[in-house]
Each structure stands twice: as C-alpha cells, then as structure tokens.
PDB file of N, CA and C in Angstrom:
ATOM      1  N   SER A   1     127.899  80.680  78.417  1.00  0.00           N
ATOM      2  CA  SER A   1     129.213  80.923  77.865  1.00  0.00           C
ATOM      3  C   SER A   1     129.239  82.274  77.150  1.00  0.00           C
ATOM      4  N   PHE A   2     130.428  82.739  76.868  1.00  0.00           N
ATOM      5  CA  PHE A   2     130.597  84.044  76.244  1.00  0.00           C
ATOM      6  C   PHE A   2     129.799  84.126  74.942  1.00  0.00           C
ATOM      7  N   GLY A   3     129.047  85.197  74.782  1.00  0.00           N
ATOM      8  CA  GLY A   3     128.231  85.402  73.591  1.00  0.00           C
ATOM      9  C   GLY A   3     126.869  84.745  73.657  1.00  0.00           C
ATOM     10  N   GLY A   4     126.621  83.976  74.710  1.00  0.00           N
ATOM     11  CA  GLY A   4     125.340  83.298  74.859  1.00  0.00           C
ATOM     12  C   GLY A   4     124.238  84.273  75.266  1.00  0.00           C
ATOM     13  N   THR A   5     123.011  83.898  75.005  1.00  0.00           N
ATOM     14  CA  THR A   5     121.864  84.722  75.398  1.00  0.00           C
ATOM     15  C   THR A   5     120.851  83.869  76.142  1.00  0.00           C
ATOM     16  N   VAL A   6     120.071  84.525  76.977  1.00  0.00           N
ATOM     17  CA  VAL A   6     118.999  83.895  77.735  1.00  0.00           C
ATOM     18  C   VAL A   6     117.768  84.763  77.577  1.00  0.00           C
ATOM     19  N   ASN A   7     116.630  84.182  77.184  1.00  0.00           N
ATOM     20  CA  ASN A   7     115.383  84.927  77.107  1.00  0.00           C
ATOM     21  C   ASN A   7     114.828  85.151  78.501  1.00  0.00           C
ATOM     22  N   VAL A   8     114.310  86.333  78.730  1.00  0.00           N
ATOM     23  CA  VAL A   8     113.776  86.704  80.033  1.00  0.00           C
ATOM     24  C   VAL A   8     112.399  87.305  79.825  1.00  0.00           C
ATOM     25  N   SER A   9     111.459  86.980  80.710  1.00  0.00           N
ATOM     26  CA  SER A   9     110.144  87.611  80.651  1.00  0.00           C
ATOM     27  C   SER A   9     109.786  88.132  82.031  1.00  0.00           C
ATOM     28  N   CYS A  10     108.964  89.142  82.050  1.00  0.00           N
ATOM     29  CA  CYS A  10     108.557  89.777  83.303  1.00  0.00           C
ATOM     30  C   CYS A  10     107.267  89.157  83.821  1.00  0.00           C
ATOM     31  N   ALA A  11     107.086  89.214  85.129  1.00  0.00           N
ATOM     32  CA  ALA A  11     105.854  88.734  85.751  1.00  0.00           C
ATOM     33  C   ALA A  11     104.686  89.626  85.329  1.00  0.00           C
ATOM     34  N   THR A  12     103.479  89.098  85.427  1.00  0.00           N
ATOM     35  CA  THR A  12     102.275  89.869  85.105  1.00  0.00           C
ATOM     36  C   THR A  12     102.283  91.186  85.876  1.00  0.00           C
ATOM     37  N   GLY A  13     101.961  92.258  85.179  1.00  0.00           N
ATOM     38  CA  GLY A  13     101.921  93.572  85.815  1.00  0.00           C
ATOM     39  C   GLY A  13     103.242  94.314  85.773  1.00  0.00           C
ATOM     40  N   HIS A  14     104.239  93.709  85.151  1.00  0.00           N
ATOM     41  CA  HIS A  14     105.560  94.317  85.041  1.00  0.00           C
ATOM     42  C   HIS A  14     105.989  94.327  83.583  1.00  0.00           C
ATOM     43  N   SER A  15     106.858  95.260  83.232  1.00  0.00           N
ATOM     44  CA  SER A  15     107.372  95.299  81.864  1.00  0.00           C
ATOM     45  C   SER A  15     108.872  95.540  81.888  1.00  0.00           C
ATOM     46  N   ALA A  16     109.519  95.071  80.841  1.00  0.00           N
ATOM     47  CA  ALA A  16     110.971  95.224  80.725  1.00  0.00           C
ATOM     48  C   ALA A  16     111.315  96.693  80.609  1.00  0.00           C
ATOM     49  N   ASN A  17     112.310  97.094  81.340  1.00  0.00           N
ATOM     50  CA  ASN A  17     112.723  98.496  81.354  1.00  0.00           C
ATOM     51  C   ASN A  17     113.657  98.769  80.187  1.00  0.00           C
ATOM     52  N   GLY A  18     113.077  98.874  78.986  1.00  0.00           N
ATOM     53  CA  GLY A  18     113.850  99.245  77.815  1.00  0.00           C
ATOM     54  C   GLY A  18     114.667  98.135  77.184  1.00  0.00           C
ATOM     55  N   GLU A  19     114.602  96.922  77.735  1.00  0.00           N
ATOM     56  CA  GLU A  19     115.379  95.828  77.169  1.00  0.00           C
ATOM     57  C   GLU A  19     114.549  95.044  76.159  1.00  0.00           C
ATOM     58  N   ARG A  20     115.216  94.173  75.415  1.00  0.00           N
ATOM     59  CA  ARG A  20     114.585  93.386  74.365  1.00  0.00           C
ATOM     60  C   ARG A  20     114.032  92.059  74.852  1.00  0.00           C
ATOM     61  N   GLY A  21     114.122  91.746  76.100  1.00  0.00           N
ATOM     62  CA  GLY A  21     113.636  90.459  76.583  1.00  0.00           C
ATOM     63  C   GLY A  21     114.696  89.384  76.645  1.00  0.00           C
ATOM     64  N   GLU A  22     115.962  89.802  76.618  1.00  0.00           N
ATOM     65  CA  GLU A  22     117.021  88.810  76.744  1.00  0.00           C
ATOM     66  C   GLU A  22     118.230  89.407  77.452  1.00  0.00           C
ATOM     67  N   MET A  23     119.009  88.524  78.045  1.00  0.00           N
ATOM     68  CA  MET A  23     120.282  88.901  78.648  1.00  0.00           C
ATOM     69  C   MET A  23     121.366  88.212  77.835  1.00  0.00           C
ATOM     70  N   SER A  24     122.525  88.839  77.751  1.00  0.00           N
ATOM     71  CA  SER A  24     123.626  88.220  77.016  1.00  0.00           C
ATOM     72  C   SER A  24     124.903  88.263  77.841  1.00  0.00           C
ATOM     73  N   CYS A  25     125.764  87.310  77.570  1.00  0.00           N
ATOM     74  CA  CYS A  25     127.043  87.212  78.267  1.00  0.00           C
ATOM     75  C   CYS A  25     128.099  87.900  77.417  1.00  0.00           C
ATOM     76  N   GLY A  26     128.736  88.894  77.992  1.00  0.00           N
ATOM     77  CA  GLY A  26     129.761  89.641  77.267  1.00  0.00           C
ATOM     78  C   GLY A  26     130.994  89.807  78.126  1.00  0.00           C
ATOM     79  N   VAL A  27     131.854  90.717  77.747  1.00  0.00           N
ATOM     80  CA  VAL A  27     133.105  90.970  78.462  1.00  0.00           C
ATOM     81  C   VAL A  27     132.789  91.715  79.754  1.00  0.00           C
ATOM     82  N   GLY A  28     133.326  91.213  80.870  1.00  0.00           N
ATOM     83  CA  GLY A  28     133.127  91.843  82.166  1.00  0.00           C
ATOM     84  C   GLY A  28     134.164  92.920  82.435  1.00  0.00           C
ATOM     85  N   SER A  29     134.240  93.343  83.681  1.00  0.00           N
ATOM     86  CA  SER A  29     135.158  94.424  84.046  1.00  0.00           C
ATOM     87  C   SER A  29     136.626  94.014  83.876  1.00  0.00           C
ATOM     88  N   ALA A  30     136.901  92.738  84.051  1.00  0.00           N
ATOM     89  CA  ALA A  30     138.249  92.233  83.744  1.00  0.00           C
ATOM     90  C   ALA A  30     138.145  91.527  82.394  1.00  0.00           C
ATOM     91  N   ALA A  31     139.031  91.826  81.481  1.00  0.00           N
ATOM     92  CA  ALA A  31     138.949  91.299  80.110  1.00  0.00           C
ATOM     93  C   ALA A  31     138.876  89.777  80.052  1.00  0.00           C
ATOM     94  N   THR A  32     139.287  89.110  81.124  1.00  0.00           N
ATOM     95  CA  THR A  32     139.279  87.647  81.122  1.00  0.00           C
ATOM     96  C   THR A  32     138.005  87.071  81.729  1.00  0.00           C
ATOM     97  N   SER A  33     137.115  87.924  82.206  1.00  0.00           N
ATOM     98  CA  SER A  33     135.894  87.420  82.833  1.00  0.00           C
ATOM     99  C   SER A  33     134.667  87.800  82.005  1.00  0.00           C
ATOM    100  N   GLY A  34     133.634  87.005  82.129  1.00  0.00           N
ATOM    101  CA  GLY A  34     132.372  87.292  81.452  1.00  0.00           C
ATOM    102  C   GLY A  34     131.387  87.926  82.425  1.00  0.00           C
ATOM    103  N   ALA A  35     130.422  88.627  81.890  1.00  0.00           N
ATOM    104  CA  ALA A  35     129.403  89.235  82.724  1.00  0.00           C
ATOM    105  C   ALA A  35     128.083  89.256  81.973  1.00  0.00           C
ATOM    106  N   TRP A  36     127.009  88.960  82.665  1.00  0.00           N
ATOM    107  CA  TRP A  36     125.682  89.015  82.060  1.00  0.00           C
ATOM    108  C   TRP A  36     125.194  90.455  82.069  1.00  0.00           C
ATOM    109  N   THR A  37     124.532  90.852  80.991  1.00  0.00           N
ATOM    110  CA  THR A  37     123.915  92.179  80.960  1.00  0.00           C
ATOM    111  C   THR A  37     122.793  92.205  81.991  1.00  0.00           C
ATOM    112  N   THR A  38     122.476  93.381  82.473  1.00  0.00           N
ATOM    113  CA  THR A  38     121.407  93.495  83.467  1.00  0.00           C
ATOM    114  C   THR A  38     120.048  93.572  82.782  1.00  0.00           C
ATOM    115  N   PHE A  39     119.056  93.170  83.507  1.00  0.00           N
ATOM    116  CA  PHE A  39     117.688  93.182  83.003  1.00  0.00           C
ATOM    117  C   PHE A  39     116.780  93.512  84.170  1.00  0.00           C
ATOM    118  N   THR A  40     115.902  94.483  84.012  1.00  0.00           N
ATOM    119  CA  THR A  40     114.990  94.829  85.096  1.00  0.00           C
ATOM    120  C   THR A  40     113.551  94.820  84.601  1.00  0.00           C
ATOM    121  N   CYS A  41     112.669  94.413  85.477  1.00  0.00           N
ATOM    122  CA  CYS A  41     111.233  94.443  85.217  1.00  0.00           C
ATOM    123  C   CYS A  41     110.615  95.428  86.209  1.00  0.00           C
ATOM    124  N   ASP A  42     109.950  96.425  85.694  1.00  0.00           N
ATOM    125  CA  ASP A  42     109.328  97.437  86.541  1.00  0.00           C
ATOM    126  C   ASP A  42     107.814  97.290  86.498  1.00  0.00           C
ATOM    127  N   PRO A  43     107.124  97.578  87.616  1.00  0.00           N
ATOM    128  CA  PRO A  43     105.663  97.512  87.587  1.00  0.00           C
ATOM    129  C   PRO A  43     105.102  98.551  86.615  1.00  0.00           C
ATOM    130  N   VAL A  44     104.022  98.196  85.906  1.00  0.00           N
ATOM    131  CA  VAL A  44     103.403  99.164  85.010  1.00  0.00           C
ATOM    132  C   VAL A  44     102.817 100.299  85.844  1.00  0.00           C
ATOM    133  N   ASP A  45     102.793 101.488  85.271  1.00  0.00           N
ATOM    134  CA  ASP A  45     102.339 102.691  85.955  1.00  0.00           C
ATOM    135  C   ASP A  45     101.059 103.180  85.291  1.00  0.00           C
ATOM    136  N   CYS A  46     100.012 103.336  86.069  1.00  0.00           N
ATOM    137  CA  CYS A  46      98.726 103.804  85.536  1.00  0.00           C
ATOM    138  C   CYS A  46      98.614 105.329  85.530  1.00  0.00           C
ATOM    139  N   GLY A  47      99.552 106.005  86.149  1.00  0.00           N
ATOM    140  CA  GLY A  47      99.480 107.463  86.194  1.00  0.00           C
ATOM    141  C   GLY A  47      98.383 107.931  87.148  1.00  0.00           C
ATOM    142  N   VAL A  48      97.988 109.173  86.991  1.00  0.00           N
ATOM    143  CA  VAL A  48      96.974 109.737  87.886  1.00  0.00           C
ATOM    144  C   VAL A  48      95.623 109.063  87.655  1.00  0.00           C
ATOM    145  N   THR A  49      94.823 109.008  88.704  1.00  0.00           N
ATOM    146  CA  THR A  49      93.497 108.410  88.587  1.00  0.00           C
ATOM    147  C   THR A  49      92.611 109.267  87.683  1.00  0.00           C
ATOM    148  N   PRO A  50      91.660 108.641  87.005  1.00  0.00           N
ATOM    149  CA  PRO A  50      90.794 109.393  86.105  1.00  0.00           C
ATOM    150  C   PRO A  50      89.751 110.203  86.877  1.00  0.00           C
ATOM    151  N   THR A  51      89.186 111.167  86.211  1.00  0.00           N
ATOM    152  CA  THR A  51      88.050 111.902  86.756  1.00  0.00           C
ATOM    153  C   THR A  51      86.802 111.084  86.450  1.00  0.00           C
ATOM    154  N   VAL A  52      85.927 110.942  87.433  1.00  0.00           N
ATOM    155  CA  VAL A  52      84.675 110.219  87.239  1.00  0.00           C
ATOM    156  C   VAL A  52      83.541 111.210  87.433  1.00  0.00           C
ATOM    157  N   ALA A  53      82.666 111.335  86.431  1.00  0.00           N
ATOM    158  CA  ALA A  53      81.550 112.288  86.501  1.00  0.00           C
ATOM    159  C   ALA A  53      80.671 112.000  87.714  1.00  0.00           C
ATOM    160  N   ASN A  54      80.326 113.052  88.426  1.00  0.00           N
ATOM    161  CA  ASN A  54      79.414 112.977  89.576  1.00  0.00           C
ATOM    162  C   ASN A  54      79.923 112.057  90.686  1.00  0.00           C
ATOM    163  N   ALA A  55      81.230 112.008  90.845  1.00  0.00           N
ATOM    164  CA  ALA A  55      81.829 111.172  91.884  1.00  0.00           C
ATOM    165  C   ALA A  55      83.166 111.750  92.313  1.00  0.00           C
ATOM    166  N   VAL A  56      83.627 111.281  93.454  1.00  0.00           N
ATOM    167  CA  VAL A  56      84.936 111.662  93.985  1.00  0.00           C
ATOM    168  C   VAL A  56      85.814 110.413  93.980  1.00  0.00           C
ATOM    169  N   VAL A  57      86.987 110.522  93.383  1.00  0.00           N
ATOM    170  CA  VAL A  57      87.949 109.415  93.375  1.00  0.00           C
ATOM    171  C   VAL A  57      88.950 109.665  94.491  1.00  0.00           C
ATOM    172  N   GLY A  58      89.090 108.692  95.384  1.00  0.00           N
ATOM    173  CA  GLY A  58      90.008 108.830  96.509  1.00  0.00           C
ATOM    174  C   GLY A  58      91.459 108.721  96.083  1.00  0.00           C
ATOM    175  N   THR A  59      92.334 109.010  97.019  1.00  0.00           N
ATOM    176  CA  THR A  59      93.776 108.887  96.772  1.00  0.00           C
ATOM    177  C   THR A  59      94.113 107.410  96.592  1.00  0.00           C
ATOM    178  N   PRO A  60      94.802 107.054  95.516  1.00  0.00           N
ATOM    179  CA  PRO A  60      95.107 105.636  95.287  1.00  0.00           C
ATOM    180  C   PRO A  60      96.134 105.097  96.272  1.00  0.00           C
ATOM    181  N   SER A  61      96.036 103.783  96.531  1.00  0.00           N
ATOM    182  CA  SER A  61      97.038 103.132  97.378  1.00  0.00           C
ATOM    183  C   SER A  61      98.391 103.166  96.677  1.00  0.00           C
ATOM    184  N   SER A  62      98.363 103.161  95.352  1.00  0.00           N
ATOM    185  CA  SER A  62      99.553 103.237  94.519  1.00  0.00           C
ATOM    186  C   SER A  62      99.100 103.507  93.096  1.00  0.00           C
ATOM    187  N   GLN A  63      99.947 104.153  92.299  1.00  0.00           N
ATOM    188  CA  GLN A  63      99.657 104.349  90.882  1.00  0.00           C
ATOM    189  C   GLN A  63     100.261 103.222  90.049  1.00  0.00           C
ATOM    190  N   LEU A  64     100.861 102.241  90.725  1.00  0.00           N
ATOM    191  CA  LEU A  64     101.487 101.111  90.055  1.00  0.00           C
ATOM    192  C   LEU A  64     100.541  99.915  90.015  1.00  0.00           C
ATOM    193  N   TYR A  65     100.894  98.909  89.227  1.00  0.00           N
ATOM    194  CA  TYR A  65     100.074  97.716  89.043  1.00  0.00           C
ATOM    195  C   TYR A  65      99.496  97.205  90.360  1.00  0.00           C
ATOM    196  N   ALA A  66      98.199  96.928  90.362  1.00  0.00           N
ATOM    197  CA  ALA A  66      97.422  96.403  91.492  1.00  0.00           C
ATOM    198  C   ALA A  66      97.047  97.470  92.515  1.00  0.00           C
ATOM    199  N   GLY A  67      97.440  98.720  92.317  1.00  0.00           N
ATOM    200  CA  GLY A  67      97.002  99.796  93.200  1.00  0.00           C
ATOM    201  C   GLY A  67      95.497 100.014  93.054  1.00  0.00           C
ATOM    202  N   THR A  68      94.853 100.509  94.093  1.00  0.00           N
ATOM    203  CA  THR A  68      93.411 100.736  94.048  1.00  0.00           C
ATOM    204  C   THR A  68      93.069 102.135  94.549  1.00  0.00           C
ATOM    205  N   ALA A  69      91.889 102.600  94.158  1.00  0.00           N
ATOM    206  CA  ALA A  69      91.357 103.871  94.647  1.00  0.00           C
ATOM    207  C   ALA A  69      89.844 103.728  94.759  1.00  0.00           C
ATOM    208  N   SER A  70      89.276 104.318  95.801  1.00  0.00           N
ATOM    209  CA  SER A  70      87.826 104.248  95.985  1.00  0.00           C
ATOM    210  C   SER A  70      87.132 105.293  95.122  1.00  0.00           C
ATOM    211  N   VAL A  71      85.900 104.997  94.741  1.00  0.00           N
ATOM    212  CA  VAL A  71      85.068 105.930  93.984  1.00  0.00           C
ATOM    213  C   VAL A  71      83.775 106.093  94.763  1.00  0.00           C
ATOM    214  N   THR A  72      83.482 107.333  95.163  1.00  0.00           N
ATOM    215  CA  THR A  72      82.280 107.608  95.932  1.00  0.00           C
ATOM    216  C   THR A  72      81.388 108.557  95.147  1.00  0.00           C
ATOM    217  N   CYS A  73      80.165 108.104  94.895  1.00  0.00           N
ATOM    218  CA  CYS A  73      79.227 108.930  94.128  1.00  0.00           C
ATOM    219  C   CYS A  73      78.798 110.152  94.935  1.00  0.00           C
ATOM    220  N   ASN A  74      78.594 111.250  94.239  1.00  0.00           N
ATOM    221  CA  ASN A  74      78.059 112.461  94.866  1.00  0.00           C
ATOM    222  C   ASN A  74      76.630 112.196  95.320  1.00  0.00           C
ATOM    223  N   SER A  75      76.153 112.993  96.254  1.00  0.00           N
ATOM    224  CA  SER A  75      74.796 112.870  96.768  1.00  0.00           C
ATOM    225  C   SER A  75      73.791 112.925  95.615  1.00  0.00           C
ATOM    226  N   GLY A  76      72.855 111.973  95.626  1.00  0.00           N
ATOM    227  CA  GLY A  76      71.837 111.932  94.590  1.00  0.00           C
ATOM    228  C   GLY A  76      72.224 111.091  93.390  1.00  0.00           C
ATOM    229  N   TYR A  77      73.440 110.533  93.392  1.00  0.00           N
ATOM    230  CA  TYR A  77      73.895 109.704  92.269  1.00  0.00           C
ATOM    231  C   TYR A  77      74.182 108.289  92.753  1.00  0.00           C
ATOM    232  N   SER A  78      74.095 107.339  91.844  1.00  0.00           N
ATOM    233  CA  SER A  78      74.319 105.936  92.163  1.00  0.00           C
ATOM    234  C   SER A  78      75.322 105.343  91.178  1.00  0.00           C
ATOM    235  N   SER A  79      76.053 104.356  91.643  1.00  0.00           N
ATOM    236  CA  SER A  79      77.016 103.687  90.765  1.00  0.00           C
ATOM    237  C   SER A  79      76.331 102.698  89.832  1.00  0.00           C
ATOM    238  N   GLN A  80      75.060 102.478  90.021  1.00  0.00           N
ATOM    239  CA  GLN A  80      74.254 101.577  89.194  1.00  0.00           C
ATOM    240  C   GLN A  80      74.895 100.209  89.054  1.00  0.00           C
ATOM    241  N   GLY A  81      75.348  99.682  90.187  1.00  0.00           N
ATOM    242  CA  GLY A  81      75.895  98.332  90.211  1.00  0.00           C
ATOM    243  C   GLY A  81      77.365  98.219  89.848  1.00  0.00           C
ATOM    244  N   LEU A  82      77.999  99.321  89.459  1.00  0.00           N
ATOM    245  CA  LEU A  82      79.423  99.268  89.138  1.00  0.00           C
ATOM    246  C   LEU A  82      80.240  99.216  90.417  1.00  0.00           C
ATOM    247  N   ALA A  83      81.460  98.761  90.307  1.00  0.00           N
ATOM    248  CA  ALA A  83      82.347  98.650  91.468  1.00  0.00           C
ATOM    249  C   ALA A  83      82.607 100.023  92.074  1.00  0.00           C
ATOM    250  N   ASP A  84      82.822 100.049  93.389  1.00  0.00           N
ATOM    251  CA  ASP A  84      83.134 101.306  94.060  1.00  0.00           C
ATOM    252  C   ASP A  84      84.637 101.485  94.244  1.00  0.00           C
ATOM    253  N   THR A  85      85.402 100.665  93.524  1.00  0.00           N
ATOM    254  CA  THR A  85      86.866 100.736  93.555  1.00  0.00           C
ATOM    255  C   THR A  85      87.394 100.603  92.122  1.00  0.00           C
ATOM    256  N   ILE A  86      88.411 101.392  91.802  1.00  0.00           N
ATOM    257  CA  ILE A  86      89.107 101.205  90.532  1.00  0.00           C
ATOM    258  C   ILE A  86      90.488 100.627  90.824  1.00  0.00           C
ATOM    259  N   THR A  87      91.008  99.871  89.876  1.00  0.00           N
ATOM    260  CA  THR A  87      92.275  99.159  90.072  1.00  0.00           C
ATOM    261  C   THR A  87      93.219  99.446  88.910  1.00  0.00           C
ATOM    262  N   CYS A  88      94.492  99.599  89.242  1.00  0.00           N
ATOM    263  CA  CYS A  88      95.520  99.759  88.211  1.00  0.00           C
ATOM    264  C   CYS A  88      95.813  98.377  87.643  1.00  0.00           C
ATOM    265  N   GLY A  89      95.460  98.197  86.378  1.00  0.00           N
ATOM    266  CA  GLY A  89      95.671  96.916  85.713  1.00  0.00           C
ATOM    267  C   GLY A  89      96.436  97.100  84.424  1.00  0.00           C
ATOM    268  N   LEU A  90      96.443  96.068  83.612  1.00  0.00           N
ATOM    269  CA  LEU A  90      97.160  96.114  82.347  1.00  0.00           C
ATOM    270  C   LEU A  90      96.331  96.820  81.290  1.00  0.00           C
ATOM    271  N   GLY A  91      96.982  97.667  80.521  1.00  0.00           N
ATOM    272  CA  GLY A  91      96.325  98.356  79.424  1.00  0.00           C
ATOM    273  C   GLY A  91      96.613  97.629  78.120  1.00  0.00           C
ATOM    274  N   SER A  92      96.523  98.361  77.061  1.00  0.00           N
ATOM    275  CA  SER A  92      96.842  97.815  75.743  1.00  0.00           C
ATOM    276  C   SER A  92      97.807  98.785  75.062  1.00  0.00           C
ATOM    277  N   PRO A  93      99.034  98.422  74.797  1.00  0.00           N
ATOM    278  CA  PRO A  93      99.601  97.086  74.969  1.00  0.00           C
ATOM    279  C   PRO A  93      99.778  96.754  76.444  1.00  0.00           C
ATOM    280  N   THR A  94     100.039  95.501  76.744  1.00  0.00           N
ATOM    281  CA  THR A  94     100.125  95.058  78.142  1.00  0.00           C
ATOM    282  C   THR A  94     101.349  95.598  78.876  1.00  0.00           C
ATOM    283  N   THR A  95     102.188  96.342  78.208  1.00  0.00           N
ATOM    284  CA  THR A  95     103.337  96.971  78.872  1.00  0.00           C
ATOM    285  C   THR A  95     102.948  98.315  79.480  1.00  0.00           C
ATOM    286  N   SER A  96     101.679  98.705  79.318  1.00  0.00           N
ATOM    287  CA  SER A  96     101.209  99.964  79.890  1.00  0.00           C
ATOM    288  C   SER A  96     100.144  99.665  80.944  1.00  0.00           C
ATOM    289  N   GLY A  97      99.870 100.645  81.772  1.00  0.00           N
ATOM    290  CA  GLY A  97      98.856 100.471  82.815  1.00  0.00           C
ATOM    291  C   GLY A  97      97.595 101.242  82.478  1.00  0.00           C
ATOM    292  N   ALA A  98      96.477 100.802  83.066  1.00  0.00           N
ATOM    293  CA  ALA A  98      95.207 101.485  82.852  1.00  0.00           C
ATOM    294  C   ALA A  98      94.326 101.275  84.073  1.00  0.00           C
ATOM    295  N   TRP A  99      93.638 102.324  84.492  1.00  0.00           N
ATOM    296  CA  TRP A  99      92.689 102.220  85.599  1.00  0.00           C
ATOM    297  C   TRP A  99      91.420 101.552  85.099  1.00  0.00           C
ATOM    298  N   THR A 100      90.959 100.515  85.787  1.00  0.00           N
ATOM    299  CA  THR A 100      89.753  99.809  85.395  1.00  0.00           C
ATOM    300  C   THR A 100      88.838  99.623  86.599  1.00  0.00           C
ATOM    301  N   SER A 101      87.554  99.485  86.323  1.00  0.00           N
ATOM    302  CA  SER A 101      86.599  99.277  87.426  1.00  0.00           C
ATOM    303  C   SER A 101      86.230  97.828  87.541  1.00  0.00           C
TER     304      SER A 101
END
C-alpha cells in the first residue's frame, strides 16, 4: 500500500547500487496510482588483476564477482602449492570485490 516499504537484499557477490536495502511505494506517474521505487543489485567489481612477483597473470574471464585469471610462474619459480588461478570474490566490506587465490 501507499507509503509501505519492503526490505530487499542482494544475492551473494552483488551489492545494492546506492540504495538503502528497501523499496517503498510512492506516487506513480499518474497521481492516482502508486509505484514502487527501483532497486538494483550489481555484481561486485574486483578491478584490475594484481601484479604477482615472478609470475604472469593472465587476462581475467571477468573483473566481476566469480571471474578468474590464471597465474603462471616465471621459469625457475614455483607456486609452492598455491592455486594457479585467482578469483574475484568478496572483499571487506562484502560490498567490495577482491582478488583471492
């Protein structure tokens, strides 16, 4: 009903695009109709891949949540058991992205 609010949350890996986490019913385009405010959830963005010492980071599949990029050690170097792929995951706060191995 008019003036009502609904709490909204985004799926994992997404954050509200500047909204407070709720939608509200207000006056629509016709003064006699109601309309819900819009709410969007965008995938978190990890930005450019990090530089890794003595390694080459491949082009990521995406810079957005769940994107991956390969990491290949230079000749004579070893990953010492670390993953050979980095993934765009949740940072801190969870509304930001961070590359993790």
